[in-house]
Protein backbone atom coordinates (compact mmCIF):
# COMPACT_ATOMS: atom_id res chain seq x y z
CA MET A 1 0.00 0.00 0.00
CA ASN A 2 1.53 3.32 -1.03
CA SER A 3 2.00 6.28 1.30
CA LYS A 4 -0.83 8.37 -0.27
CA ARG A 5 -3.38 5.60 0.14
CA ARG A 6 -2.35 4.97 3.75
CA LYS A 7 -2.78 8.66 4.53
CA LEU A 8 -6.22 8.70 2.87
CA LEU A 9 -7.41 5.63 4.78
CA PHE A 10 -6.08 7.05 8.03
CA SER A 11 -7.94 10.33 7.40
CA LEU A 12 -11.18 8.45 6.71
CA PHE A 13 -10.72 6.45 9.90
CA ILE A 14 -10.26 9.64 11.94
CA LEU A 15 -13.39 11.14 10.36
CA LEU A 16 -15.43 8.06 11.25
CA ILE A 17 -14.22 8.14 14.85
CA PHE A 18 -14.95 11.86 15.14
CA GLY A 19 -18.41 11.40 13.62
CA ALA A 20 -19.31 8.67 16.09
CA TYR A 21 -18.05 10.80 18.97
CA TYR A 22 -20.02 13.84 17.77
CA LEU A 23 -23.26 11.90 17.48
CA SER A 24 -22.86 10.40 20.94
CA GLU A 25 -22.17 13.84 22.41
CA LYS A 26 -25.14 15.36 20.58
CA ARG A 27 -27.40 12.87 22.30
CA GLY A 28 -25.53 13.47 25.57
CA ASN A 29 -24.19 9.88 25.43
CA THR A 30 -27.14 9.00 27.65
CA PRO A 31 -30.27 6.90 27.30
CA ASP A 32 -33.45 8.52 25.93
CA SER A 33 -34.99 8.68 29.41
CA ALA A 34 -34.12 8.54 33.09
CA GLU A 35 -35.92 8.63 36.45
CA TYR A 36 -35.24 10.98 39.35
CA ARG A 37 -37.02 12.38 42.37
CA VAL A 38 -38.01 16.04 42.33
CA LEU A 39 -36.42 17.88 45.27
CA ASN A 40 -37.79 21.35 44.63
CA VAL A 41 -39.99 23.29 42.24
CA ILE A 42 -38.54 26.60 41.04
CA ASP A 43 -41.43 27.79 38.89
CA GLY A 44 -43.94 26.48 36.38
CA ASP A 45 -41.37 24.93 34.05
CA THR A 46 -38.23 24.35 36.14
CA VAL A 47 -37.48 21.85 38.91
CA ILE A 48 -34.47 20.50 40.80
CA ILE A 49 -33.86 16.74 40.79
CA ASP A 50 -31.89 14.40 43.05
CA ASP A 51 -29.02 13.51 40.72
CA VAL A 52 -25.44 13.98 41.95
CA ARG A 53 -25.36 17.59 40.76
CA LYS A 54 -28.84 18.54 42.01
CA SER A 55 -29.50 19.57 38.43
CA ARG A 56 -32.16 21.95 37.22
CA VAL A 57 -34.57 20.53 34.67
CA ARG A 58 -36.21 22.89 32.17
CA TYR A 59 -39.41 21.54 30.64
CA LEU A 60 -39.29 21.22 26.86
CA GLY A 61 -41.89 22.70 24.53
CA ILE A 62 -43.46 25.19 26.94
CA ASP A 63 -42.87 28.51 28.61
CA THR A 64 -44.69 29.45 31.81
CA PRO A 65 -45.10 33.02 33.12
CA GLU A 66 -42.06 34.42 34.91
CA ILE A 67 -42.36 34.23 38.68
CA ALA A 68 -41.40 37.21 40.85
CA TYR A 69 -37.99 37.02 42.49
CA GLN A 70 -36.01 39.49 44.52
CA GLY A 71 -35.09 42.26 42.12
CA SER A 72 -37.36 41.01 39.32
CA PRO A 73 -41.10 41.52 38.66
CA GLY A 74 -43.43 38.60 38.01
CA ASP A 75 -46.05 37.89 35.36
CA PRO A 76 -49.76 37.20 35.83
CA MET A 77 -50.50 33.48 36.41
CA SER A 78 -46.89 32.77 37.42
CA GLN A 79 -47.71 31.65 40.95
CA GLU A 80 -50.62 29.55 39.68
CA ALA A 81 -48.28 27.80 37.23
CA ARG A 82 -45.74 27.11 39.95
CA ASP A 83 -48.39 25.81 42.35
CA PHE A 84 -49.85 23.49 39.71
CA ASN A 85 -46.40 22.15 38.80
CA GLU A 86 -45.55 21.64 42.47
CA LYS A 87 -48.78 19.73 43.08
CA LEU A 88 -47.95 17.35 40.23
CA VAL A 89 -44.24 16.67 40.80
CA ARG A 90 -42.84 17.79 44.16
CA SER A 91 -41.17 14.91 46.08
CA LYS A 92 -42.29 12.47 43.39
CA THR A 93 -40.24 10.24 41.13
CA VAL A 94 -40.55 11.51 37.57
CA LYS A 95 -39.39 10.17 34.24
CA LEU A 96 -37.38 12.55 32.09
CA GLU A 97 -37.59 11.96 28.36
CA PHE A 98 -35.00 13.70 26.21
CA ASP A 99 -35.18 15.16 22.72
CA GLU A 100 -32.28 16.03 20.39
CA GLU A 101 -30.48 18.30 22.88
CA LYS A 102 -30.12 17.29 26.51
CA TYR A 103 -28.76 20.60 27.88
CA ASP A 104 -29.42 24.28 27.24
CA VAL A 105 -26.82 27.06 27.23
CA TYR A 106 -27.30 27.50 30.99
CA GLY A 107 -26.44 23.87 31.73
CA ARG A 108 -30.03 22.92 32.59
CA ILE A 109 -31.36 19.51 31.57
CA LEU A 110 -34.02 19.76 28.86
CA ALA A 111 -36.79 17.18 29.17
CA TYR A 112 -40.39 16.11 28.84
CA VAL A 113 -41.44 15.25 32.37
CA TYR A 114 -43.80 12.41 33.27
CA VAL A 115 -45.52 11.47 36.52
CA ASP A 116 -46.62 7.89 35.84
CA ASP A 117 -48.22 8.26 32.38
CA LEU A 118 -49.04 11.96 32.75
CA LEU A 119 -46.97 14.37 30.62
CA VAL A 120 -46.59 17.39 32.89
CA ASN A 121 -45.57 19.72 30.04
CA GLU A 122 -48.85 18.94 28.29
CA GLU A 123 -50.95 19.34 31.47
CA LEU A 124 -49.58 22.83 32.11
CA LEU A 125 -50.62 23.81 28.60
CA LYS A 126 -54.09 22.30 28.96
CA GLU A 127 -54.65 24.31 32.15
CA GLY A 128 -53.72 27.54 30.38
CA LEU A 129 -50.62 27.97 32.52
CA ALA A 130 -48.07 27.94 29.70
CA THR A 131 -47.53 28.97 26.12
CA ALA A 132 -45.90 26.76 23.49
CA LEU A 133 -42.17 27.21 22.97
CA ILE A 134 -40.68 24.88 20.38
CA ILE A 135 -36.97 25.47 19.82
CA GLU A 136 -35.46 23.35 17.08
CA PRO A 137 -34.19 20.70 16.96
CA ASN A 138 -36.27 19.76 20.02
CA SER A 139 -39.63 19.26 18.32
CA MET A 140 -40.43 15.61 18.98
CA TYR A 141 -43.79 16.40 20.62
CA SER A 142 -44.71 19.61 18.81
CA GLU A 143 -48.07 18.18 17.70
CA ILE A 144 -48.99 17.26 21.28
CA ILE A 145 -47.82 20.68 22.49
CA PHE A 146 -49.88 22.69 20.01
CA ASN A 147 -52.94 20.50 20.41
CA ALA A 148 -52.86 21.12 24.18
CA LEU A 149 -52.49 24.86 23.60
CA ARG A 150 -55.46 24.92 21.23
CA GLN A 151 -57.51 23.00 23.79
CA ALA A 152 -56.72 25.55 26.54
CA LYS A 153 -57.66 28.46 24.28
CA LYS A 154 -60.90 26.79 23.25
CA ASN A 155 -61.82 26.18 26.90
CA LYS A 156 -60.60 29.65 27.97
CA LYS A 157 -58.44 28.17 30.69
CA GLY A 158 -55.92 30.12 32.76
CA MET A 159 -54.22 32.82 30.75
CA TRP A 160 -56.78 32.39 27.97
CA GLY A 161 -59.71 33.41 30.19
CA GLU A 162 -60.91 36.93 30.91
CA LEU A 163 -58.05 39.36 30.31
CA ILE A 164 -59.23 41.67 33.08
CA THR A 165 -58.59 38.91 35.64
CA LEU A 166 -54.95 38.43 34.62
CA VAL A 167 -53.37 40.81 37.09
CA PRO A 168 -49.64 41.05 37.89
CA PRO A 169 -48.28 39.98 41.28
CA ARG A 170 -48.42 42.43 44.16
CA GLY A 171 -45.28 44.50 44.39
CA ASN A 172 -44.62 44.70 40.66
CA SER A 173 -44.89 48.49 40.88
CA GLU A 174 -41.64 48.46 42.87
CA TYR A 175 -39.82 47.50 39.68
CA ARG A 176 -41.25 50.29 37.53
CA VAL A 177 -38.52 52.44 36.06
CA ALA A 178 -38.74 55.83 34.40
CA LEU A 179 -39.04 55.45 30.64
CA ARG A 180 -36.12 57.80 30.07
CA ASN A 181 -33.89 55.52 32.17
CA ALA A 182 -34.94 52.19 30.64
CA HIS A 183 -31.69 51.83 28.67
CA ARG A 184 -29.79 51.44 31.94
CA TYR A 185 -31.48 48.10 32.65
CA GLN A 186 -30.25 46.00 29.76
CA GLY A 187 -30.77 42.28 30.45
CA LYS A 188 -33.06 42.89 33.43
CA ARG A 189 -36.79 42.42 33.84
CA ILE A 190 -38.52 45.71 34.51
CA VAL A 191 -41.89 47.46 34.39
CA VAL A 192 -42.29 50.58 32.24
CA LYS A 193 -45.25 52.83 31.59
CA GLY A 194 -45.86 55.16 28.69
CA ARG A 195 -48.05 56.16 25.76
CA ILE A 196 -47.94 54.25 22.47
CA VAL A 197 -47.38 56.98 19.90
CA GLY A 198 -46.85 54.85 16.81
CA THR A 199 -46.86 51.33 15.40
CA ARG A 200 -45.26 49.48 12.52
CA LYS A 201 -45.63 45.98 11.17
CA SER A 202 -43.81 43.74 8.72
CA ASP A 203 -43.91 40.04 7.96
CA ASN A 204 -41.27 39.51 10.65
CA VAL A 205 -42.28 41.75 13.54
CA MET A 206 -44.82 44.16 15.01
CA VAL A 207 -43.50 47.14 16.98
CA LEU A 208 -45.37 49.49 19.32
CA ASN A 209 -43.40 52.67 19.90
CA MET A 210 -43.60 54.06 23.43
CA GLU A 211 -43.02 57.82 23.39
CA ASP A 212 -40.02 57.42 21.04
CA LYS A 213 -38.06 55.99 23.97
CA LEU A 214 -38.80 52.26 23.89
CA ASP A 215 -40.14 49.61 21.49
CA VAL A 216 -42.62 46.94 22.54
CA VAL A 217 -41.96 43.99 20.20
CA ILE A 218 -44.39 41.22 19.22
CA PHE A 219 -43.19 38.42 16.93
CA PRO A 220 -45.48 36.65 14.40
CA ASP A 221 -45.64 33.37 16.35
CA ASP A 222 -47.41 35.29 19.13
CA TRP A 223 -49.83 37.43 17.10
CA ASN A 224 -52.59 34.86 17.50
CA ASN A 225 -52.30 35.16 21.30
CA PHE A 226 -53.58 38.71 20.89
CA GLU A 227 -56.15 37.68 18.31
CA HIS A 228 -57.58 35.26 20.90
CA PHE A 229 -58.71 38.35 22.85
CA ASP A 230 -59.88 40.15 19.68
CA ILE A 231 -56.94 42.52 19.94
CA ASP A 232 -55.19 43.96 16.91
CA PRO A 233 -52.16 45.51 18.66
CA GLU A 234 -51.55 48.05 15.87
CA LYS A 235 -54.95 49.63 16.41
CA PHE A 236 -55.85 48.67 19.97
CA TYR A 237 -52.84 50.16 21.77
CA LYS A 238 -52.11 53.20 19.59
CA GLY A 239 -52.69 56.39 21.56
CA LYS A 240 -53.16 54.50 24.84
CA THR A 241 -51.00 54.58 27.94
CA VAL A 242 -49.82 51.07 28.77
CA GLU A 243 -47.77 49.35 31.43
CA VAL A 244 -45.38 46.72 30.04
CA THR A 245 -43.51 44.01 31.94
CA GLY A 246 -40.55 42.14 30.47
CA ARG A 247 -36.82 41.81 29.93
CA LEU A 248 -35.16 44.84 28.41
CA LYS A 249 -32.84 44.45 25.45
CA MET A 250 -31.07 47.00 23.31
CA HIS A 251 -31.66 46.79 19.56
CA LYS A 252 -29.73 49.19 17.34
CA GLY A 253 -29.43 51.59 20.27
CA THR A 254 -33.13 51.49 21.16
CA PRO A 255 -34.45 49.86 24.37
CA SER A 256 -36.98 47.13 23.59
CA ILE A 257 -39.14 44.59 25.43
CA VAL A 258 -40.51 41.49 23.71
CA VAL A 259 -44.01 40.43 24.79
CA ASP A 260 -45.93 37.29 23.82
CA HIS A 261 -49.29 37.84 25.54
CA PRO A 262 -51.58 40.87 26.12
CA MET A 263 -51.48 40.29 29.88
CA LEU A 264 -47.98 41.80 29.71
CA VAL A 265 -49.27 45.01 28.08
CA ARG A 266 -51.79 46.49 30.47
CA SER A 267 -53.80 49.38 29.09
CA SER A 268 -54.64 52.25 31.41
CA GLY A 269 -56.32 54.63 29.05
């Protein structure tokens, strides 16, 4: 065998070894499921389990309202979501089923969580205590997720009930910041209040401009959440003073807050 052929075969062998290693790492080199006991419930979609690292598990396919913590305001229905999750899983042995990615960028385990044959992720959606959040490539149960969401909307459960009843947690007003100072809070959850003076919409985004100082952003995947309440954000909020809760980000030098539900944009006139 000549030297060129040996080098080629050696290179192919290395590629095969690397490919096998990559695939095993992509799946976390772990089985498709595992069982653990839940030690603590953080919020509606995050728990701590009794593995050696006391890992946090983030539920796949859903997003529950943000719970209030010290230094951070909460969303309507956040405590209800946490309480429901706690009732289902606290101190119980649960089965974690994994999708394509086992960990997120924060090191949390990503999983579908079962108590016996009950899929907790799905139950939170059915009760109207979560919205759908499918992040590719983790889409194994997207059909189940969206069916549960449609069911909750149809039955007007939880956050899909009467909008007037979806009030923020007590104490949220402590986190209200002056609109002119919003840019100082990049990366933090805050509450801001101001008048919507203009709107714009494209195929990719809808933007409500708050006094030329902050943009309230709604992405297309969430437009139907507003439609559920017969709200066309472009028309409904224009000229009104609203209170918005969310995480502030800077986009091209402009402070912005992304919202996915009208309970986070409270109109006050």
